[in-house]
C-alpha atoms as a PDB file:
ATOM      1  CA  MET A   1     194.171 217.294 -29.329  1.00  0.00           C
ATOM      2  CA  SER A   2     191.848 215.893 -26.679  1.00  0.00           C
ATOM      3  CA  ASP A   3     188.997 215.486 -29.196  1.00  0.00           C
ATOM      4  CA  TYR A   4     190.877 212.432 -30.547  1.00  0.00           C
ATOM      5  CA  CYS A   5     191.402 210.815 -27.176  1.00  0.00           C
ATOM      6  CA  PRO A   6     189.668 207.486 -26.561  1.00  0.00           C
ATOM      7  CA  THR A   7     186.279 207.403 -24.883  1.00  0.00           C
ATOM      8  CA  LEU A   8     185.570 204.936 -22.097  1.00  0.00           C
ATOM      9  CA  ILE A   9     181.927 203.955 -21.794  1.00  0.00           C
ATOM     10  CA  VAL A  10     181.181 203.003 -18.178  1.00  0.00           C
ATOM     11  CA  PRO A  11     177.780 201.296 -17.800  1.00  0.00           C
ATOM     12  CA  GLY A  12     175.809 201.110 -14.602  1.00  0.00           C
ATOM     13  CA  LEU A  13     174.303 198.243 -12.676  1.00  0.00           C
ATOM     14  CA  HIS A  14     173.499 195.263 -14.942  1.00  0.00           C
ATOM     15  CA  GLY A  15     175.543 196.741 -17.808  1.00  0.00           C
ATOM     16  CA  SER A  16     174.231 198.233 -21.029  1.00  0.00           C
ATOM     17  CA  ALA A  17     172.155 195.750 -22.975  1.00  0.00           C
ATOM     18  CA  ASP A  18     171.590 195.816 -26.712  1.00  0.00           C
ATOM     19  CA  GLY A  19     169.470 198.825 -27.482  1.00  0.00           C
ATOM     20  CA  HIS A  20     170.872 200.972 -24.644  1.00  0.00           C
ATOM     21  CA  TRP A  21     172.243 204.353 -25.738  1.00  0.00           C
ATOM     22  CA  GLN A  22     175.700 203.404 -24.461  1.00  0.00           C
ATOM     23  CA  THR A  23     175.744 200.325 -26.702  1.00  0.00           C
ATOM     24  CA  TRP A  24     174.667 202.490 -29.628  1.00  0.00           C
ATOM     25  CA  TRP A  25     177.447 205.015 -28.837  1.00  0.00           C
ATOM     26  CA  LEU A  26     180.011 202.200 -28.831  1.00  0.00           C
ATOM     27  CA  GLN A  27     178.909 201.200 -32.327  1.00  0.00           C
ATOM     28  CA  LYS A  28     178.821 204.800 -33.573  1.00  0.00           C
ATOM     29  CA  ASP A  29     182.224 205.888 -32.164  1.00  0.00           C
ATOM     30  CA  ARG A  30     185.080 203.615 -33.229  1.00  0.00           C
ATOM     31  CA  ASN A  31     187.314 205.413 -30.740  1.00  0.00           C
ATOM     32  CA  SER A  32     185.319 204.150 -27.772  1.00  0.00           C
ATOM     33  CA  LEU A  33     185.737 201.179 -25.483  1.00  0.00           C
ATOM     34  CA  CYS A  34     183.353 199.683 -22.933  1.00  0.00           C
ATOM     35  CA  VAL A  35     184.566 199.042 -19.406  1.00  0.00           C
ATOM     36  CA  GLU A  36     183.694 195.474 -18.429  1.00  0.00           C
ATOM     37  CA  GLN A  37     182.877 194.270 -14.925  1.00  0.00           C
ATOM     38  CA  ASP A  38     183.181 190.684 -13.698  1.00  0.00           C
ATOM     39  CA  ASP A  39     179.756 190.901 -12.089  1.00  0.00           C
ATOM     40  CA  TRP A  40     177.373 193.571 -13.377  1.00  0.00           C
ATOM     41  CA  SER A  41     174.867 192.816 -10.611  1.00  0.00           C
ATOM     42  CA  ALA A  42     177.332 193.419  -7.745  1.00  0.00           C
ATOM     43  CA  PRO A  43     177.781 197.173  -7.220  1.00  0.00           C
ATOM     44  CA  ASP A  44     181.146 197.073  -5.444  1.00  0.00           C
ATOM     45  CA  ILE A  45     182.629 200.565  -5.800  1.00  0.00           C
ATOM     46  CA  ASP A  46     186.207 199.406  -5.188  1.00  0.00           C
ATOM     47  CA  VAL A  47     186.074 196.640  -7.795  1.00  0.00           C
ATOM     48  CA  TRP A  48     184.309 198.805 -10.374  1.00  0.00           C
ATOM     49  CA  HIS A  49     186.699 201.703  -9.784  1.00  0.00           C
ATOM     50  CA  ARG A  50     189.728 199.431 -10.339  1.00  0.00           C
ATOM     51  CA  GLN A  51     188.340 198.279 -13.707  1.00  0.00           C
ATOM     52  CA  VAL A  52     187.879 201.869 -14.924  1.00  0.00           C
ATOM     53  CA  LEU A  53     191.209 203.000 -13.481  1.00  0.00           C
ATOM     54  CA  ALA A  54     193.115 200.213 -15.229  1.00  0.00           C
ATOM     55  CA  LEU A  55     191.831 201.302 -18.652  1.00  0.00           C
ATOM     56  CA  VAL A  56     192.497 204.982 -17.963  1.00  0.00           C
ATOM     57  CA  ARG A  57     196.071 204.215 -16.936  1.00  0.00           C
ATOM     58  CA  GLU A  58     196.628 201.952 -19.974  1.00  0.00           C
ATOM     59  CA  SER A  59     195.713 204.741 -22.382  1.00  0.00           C
ATOM     60  CA  ALA A  60     198.594 206.489 -24.133  1.00  0.00           C
ATOM     61  CA  SER A  61     196.680 209.775 -24.014  1.00  0.00           C
ATOM     62  CA  GLU A  62     193.992 211.467 -21.961  1.00  0.00           C
ATOM     63  CA  THR A  63     190.678 209.628 -21.875  1.00  0.00           C
ATOM     64  CA  TRP A  64     187.097 210.830 -22.045  1.00  0.00           C
ATOM     65  CA  ILE A  65     184.686 209.041 -19.722  1.00  0.00           C
ATOM     66  CA  VAL A  66     180.975 208.625 -20.427  1.00  0.00           C
ATOM     67  CA  ALA A  67     179.324 206.999 -17.430  1.00  0.00           C
ATOM     68  CA  HIS A  68     175.798 205.980 -16.480  1.00  0.00           C
ATOM     69  CA  SER A  69     174.216 205.311 -13.081  1.00  0.00           C
ATOM     70  CA  PHE A  70     176.531 203.354 -10.734  1.00  0.00           C
ATOM     71  CA  GLY A  71     179.249 203.678 -13.382  1.00  0.00           C
ATOM     72  CA  CYS A  72     179.251 207.414 -12.584  1.00  0.00           C
ATOM     73  CA  LEU A  73     180.226 206.680  -8.997  1.00  0.00           C
ATOM     74  CA  ALA A  74     183.152 204.472 -10.031  1.00  0.00           C
ATOM     75  CA  SER A  75     184.226 207.086 -12.591  1.00  0.00           C
ATOM     76  CA  LEU A  76     184.164 209.855 -10.001  1.00  0.00           C
ATOM     77  CA  LEU A  77     186.575 207.850  -7.852  1.00  0.00           C
ATOM     78  CA  VAL A  78     188.886 207.457 -10.843  1.00  0.00           C
ATOM     79  CA  ALA A  79     188.666 211.190 -11.580  1.00  0.00           C
ATOM     80  CA  GLN A  80     189.698 211.890  -8.007  1.00  0.00           C
ATOM     81  CA  GLU A  81     192.691 209.563  -8.205  1.00  0.00           C
ATOM     82  CA  CYS A  82     193.868 210.058 -11.774  1.00  0.00           C
ATOM     83  CA  HIS A  83     192.499 213.395 -13.016  1.00  0.00           C
ATOM     84  CA  GLU A  84     195.554 214.205 -15.117  1.00  0.00           C
ATOM     85  CA  LYS A  85     194.720 211.279 -17.438  1.00  0.00           C
ATOM     86  CA  ILE A  86     191.074 212.289 -17.987  1.00  0.00           C
ATOM     87  CA  ALA A  87     190.076 214.867 -20.603  1.00  0.00           C
ATOM     88  CA  GLY A  88     186.527 215.166 -19.315  1.00  0.00           C
ATOM     89  CA  LEU A  89     183.741 213.370 -17.491  1.00  0.00           C
ATOM     90  CA  PHE A  90     180.196 213.024 -18.867  1.00  0.00           C
ATOM     91  CA  LEU A  91     177.936 211.735 -16.080  1.00  0.00           C
ATOM     92  CA  VAL A  92     174.448 210.568 -17.097  1.00  0.00           C
ATOM     93  CA  ALA A  93     171.777 209.797 -14.493  1.00  0.00           C
ATOM     94  CA  PRO A  94     174.201 209.093 -11.637  1.00  0.00           C
ATOM     95  CA  ALA A  95     173.081 206.752  -8.906  1.00  0.00           C
ATOM     96  CA  ASP A  96     172.677 208.273  -5.467  1.00  0.00           C
ATOM     97  CA  PRO A  97     175.928 207.535  -3.606  1.00  0.00           C
ATOM     98  CA  ASP A  98     174.038 207.471  -0.294  1.00  0.00           C
ATOM     99  CA  LYS A  99     171.945 204.512  -1.537  1.00  0.00           C
ATOM    100  CA  PHE A 100     175.183 202.543  -1.906  1.00  0.00           C
ATOM    101  CA  GLY A 101     176.984 203.913   1.146  1.00  0.00           C
ATOM    102  CA  VAL A 102     179.852 205.388  -0.880  1.00  0.00           C
ATOM    103  CA  ALA A 103     179.311 209.149  -0.577  1.00  0.00           C
ATOM    104  CA  ASP A 104     182.284 209.562   1.751  1.00  0.00           C
ATOM    105  CA  LYS A 105     184.634 208.040  -0.857  1.00  0.00           C
ATOM    106  CA  LEU A 106     183.706 210.404  -3.680  1.00  0.00           C
ATOM    107  CA  PRO A 107     185.371 213.725  -4.499  1.00  0.00           C
ATOM    108  CA  GLN A 108     183.782 216.926  -3.249  1.00  0.00           C
ATOM    109  CA  VAL A 109     185.089 218.944  -6.225  1.00  0.00           C
ATOM    110  CA  LEU A 110     186.347 217.800  -9.622  1.00  0.00           C
ATOM    111  CA  LYS A 111     189.640 218.991 -11.110  1.00  0.00           C
ATOM    112  CA  ILE A 112     188.513 218.204 -14.660  1.00  0.00           C
ATOM    113  CA  PRO A 113     185.757 219.448 -16.981  1.00  0.00           C
ATOM    114  CA  SER A 114     182.493 217.637 -16.408  1.00  0.00           C
ATOM    115  CA  ILE A 115     178.813 217.549 -17.239  1.00  0.00           C
ATOM    116  CA  LEU A 116     176.117 215.968 -15.104  1.00  0.00           C
ATOM    117  CA  VAL A 117     172.931 215.071 -17.014  1.00  0.00           C
ATOM    118  CA  ALA A 118     169.918 214.450 -14.781  1.00  0.00           C
ATOM    119  CA  SER A 119     166.219 213.710 -15.020  1.00  0.00           C
ATOM    120  CA  ARG A 120     163.431 215.147 -12.908  1.00  0.00           C
ATOM    121  CA  SER A 121     161.855 211.682 -12.653  1.00  0.00           C
ATOM    122  CA  ASP A 122     164.939 209.535 -12.021  1.00  0.00           C
ATOM    123  CA  PRO A 123     164.205 206.936  -9.316  1.00  0.00           C
ATOM    124  CA  TRP A 124     167.940 206.554  -8.574  1.00  0.00           C
ATOM    125  CA  LEU A 125     168.751 210.189  -7.723  1.00  0.00           C
ATOM    126  CA  ASP A 126     166.497 213.002  -6.557  1.00  0.00           C
ATOM    127  CA  PHE A 127     166.574 215.913  -9.020  1.00  0.00           C
ATOM    128  CA  GLY A 128     167.323 218.553  -6.369  1.00  0.00           C
ATOM    129  CA  LYS A 129     170.162 216.442  -5.052  1.00  0.00           C
ATOM    130  CA  ALA A 130     171.496 216.045  -8.601  1.00  0.00           C
ATOM    131  CA  GLN A 131     171.499 219.835  -9.052  1.00  0.00           C
ATOM    132  CA  SER A 132     173.262 220.416  -5.732  1.00  0.00           C
ATOM    133  CA  TRP A 133     175.784 217.684  -6.419  1.00  0.00           C
ATOM    134  CA  ALA A 134     176.625 219.092  -9.860  1.00  0.00           C
ATOM    135  CA  ALA A 135     177.153 222.546  -8.343  1.00  0.00           C
ATOM    136  CA  ALA A 136     179.405 221.164  -5.601  1.00  0.00           C
ATOM    137  CA  LEU A 137     181.468 219.145  -8.096  1.00  0.00           C
ATOM    138  CA  GLY A 138     181.809 222.125 -10.406  1.00  0.00           C
ATOM    139  CA  SER A 139     179.994 220.265 -13.187  1.00  0.00           C
ATOM    140  CA  ARG A 140     177.834 221.829 -15.851  1.00  0.00           C
ATOM    141  CA  PHE A 141     174.260 220.702 -15.177  1.00  0.00           C
ATOM    142  CA  ILE A 142     171.871 219.507 -17.900  1.00  0.00           C
ATOM    143  CA  ASP A 143     168.161 219.106 -17.040  1.00  0.00           C
ATOM    144  CA  LEU A 144     166.648 216.454 -19.327  1.00  0.00           C
ATOM    145  CA  GLY A 145     163.143 216.953 -17.930  1.00  0.00           C
ATOM    146  CA  ASN A 146     161.065 213.903 -17.018  1.00  0.00           C
ATOM    147  CA  ALA A 147     163.359 211.321 -18.592  1.00  0.00           C
ATOM    148  CA  GLY A 148     163.335 208.531 -16.000  1.00  0.00           C
ATOM    149  CA  HIS A 149     166.723 206.899 -15.485  1.00  0.00           C
ATOM    150  CA  ILE A 150     167.832 207.732 -19.042  1.00  0.00           C
ATOM    151  CA  ASN A 151     167.954 204.073 -20.008  1.00  0.00           C
ATOM    152  CA  ILE A 152     166.079 201.619 -22.239  1.00  0.00           C
ATOM    153  CA  GLU A 153     163.097 201.420 -19.866  1.00  0.00           C
ATOM    154  CA  SER A 154     162.631 205.182 -20.111  1.00  0.00           C
ATOM    155  CA  GLY A 155     162.938 205.236 -23.904  1.00  0.00           C
ATOM    156  CA  PHE A 156     166.644 205.943 -24.377  1.00  0.00           C
ATOM    157  CA  GLY A 157     167.992 203.589 -26.996  1.00  0.00           C
ATOM    158  CA  VAL A 158     169.491 205.671 -29.772  1.00  0.00           C
ATOM    159  CA  TRP A 159     170.107 208.964 -27.967  1.00  0.00           C
ATOM    160  CA  GLN A 160     171.345 211.336 -30.635  1.00  0.00           C
ATOM    161  CA  GLN A 161     170.753 214.414 -28.443  1.00  0.00           C
ATOM    162  CA  GLY A 162     173.109 213.016 -25.803  1.00  0.00           C
ATOM    163  CA  PHE A 163     175.694 211.981 -28.385  1.00  0.00           C
ATOM    164  CA  ASP A 164     175.623 215.497 -29.840  1.00  0.00           C
ATOM    165  CA  LEU A 165     175.831 217.057 -26.374  1.00  0.00           C
ATOM    166  CA  PHE A 166     178.899 214.953 -25.594  1.00  0.00           C
ATOM    167  CA  GLY A 167     180.470 215.933 -28.927  1.00  0.00           C
ATOM    168  CA  GLN A 168     179.918 219.624 -28.152  1.00  0.00           C
ATOM    169  CA  PHE A 169     181.393 219.110 -24.672  1.00  0.00           C
ATOM    170  CA  LYS A 170     184.547 217.620 -26.218  1.00  0.00           C
ATOM    171  CA  ARG A 171     184.848 220.525 -28.668  1.00  0.00           C
ATOM    172  CA  ASP A 172     184.350 223.091 -25.889  1.00  0.00           C
ATOM    173  CA  VAL A 173     187.016 221.484 -23.703  1.00  0.00           C
ATOM    174  CA  SER A 174     189.428 221.250 -26.626  1.00  0.00           C
ATOM    175  CA  LEU A 175     188.916 224.918 -27.462  1.00  0.00           C
ATOM    176  CA  SER A 176     189.456 225.973 -23.866  1.00  0.00           C
ATOM    177  CA  LYS A 177     192.816 224.185 -23.877  1.00  0.00           C
ATOM    178  CA  ILE A 178     193.863 226.001 -27.048  1.00  0.00           C
ATOM    179  CA  CYS A 179     192.659 229.431 -25.956  1.00  0.00           C
ATOM    180  CA  CYS A 180     193.734 229.484 -22.335  1.00  0.00           C
END
C-alpha cells in the first residue's frame, strides 16, 4: 500500500539545516530520504530536477515527495515527467516560479494527489498567487496563516502539525486507492 512507500524530502535553497522541520522529519520517519544537491546555493531547476528524478526512478515502489521552497519547483517538474512513480506531492511554502524564470517549465495541472501549504506572510510567494496556483494544479490548499516561509527563521523547527497533516494526506490517498 502507498502508505509504506518511501518519502523523499526535497529541501529548498540552502538546504535544510539542523533544526529545520525537514531535518526533524528525516529523523522521525525511518522510511524517508533527503535529496542532496551539489550546490544548495545555486537554484538551477534542471540540475535540481535531475537529482529528485534519479531517486524517484531508483525506487522500487511509488514515492511520496515532501518539498519546501525551491525544492517544490524541482519536484513539480518531476511530477510532470514521472507521475506514475509518485504516490503524492506535499508542497510547503513553494518559491514563486516567476522569481526564478521557470514558470513556463512547470505543469499546469497535476496528475497525482497533492497538497500545497502556504503562508499569508511568505516573502517567497504571494498568498493570493499560492491560492490560485493550488487551484490550477488541482492541489488541496492549506492556509497556515501568518507563518513566514515555514522555515527555521519563522519558527518551524519541530513541526508536528505538518507531520500529522502529511500522515493524514497519505492515509487519505491510500484509502482512495482502495475504495475507487
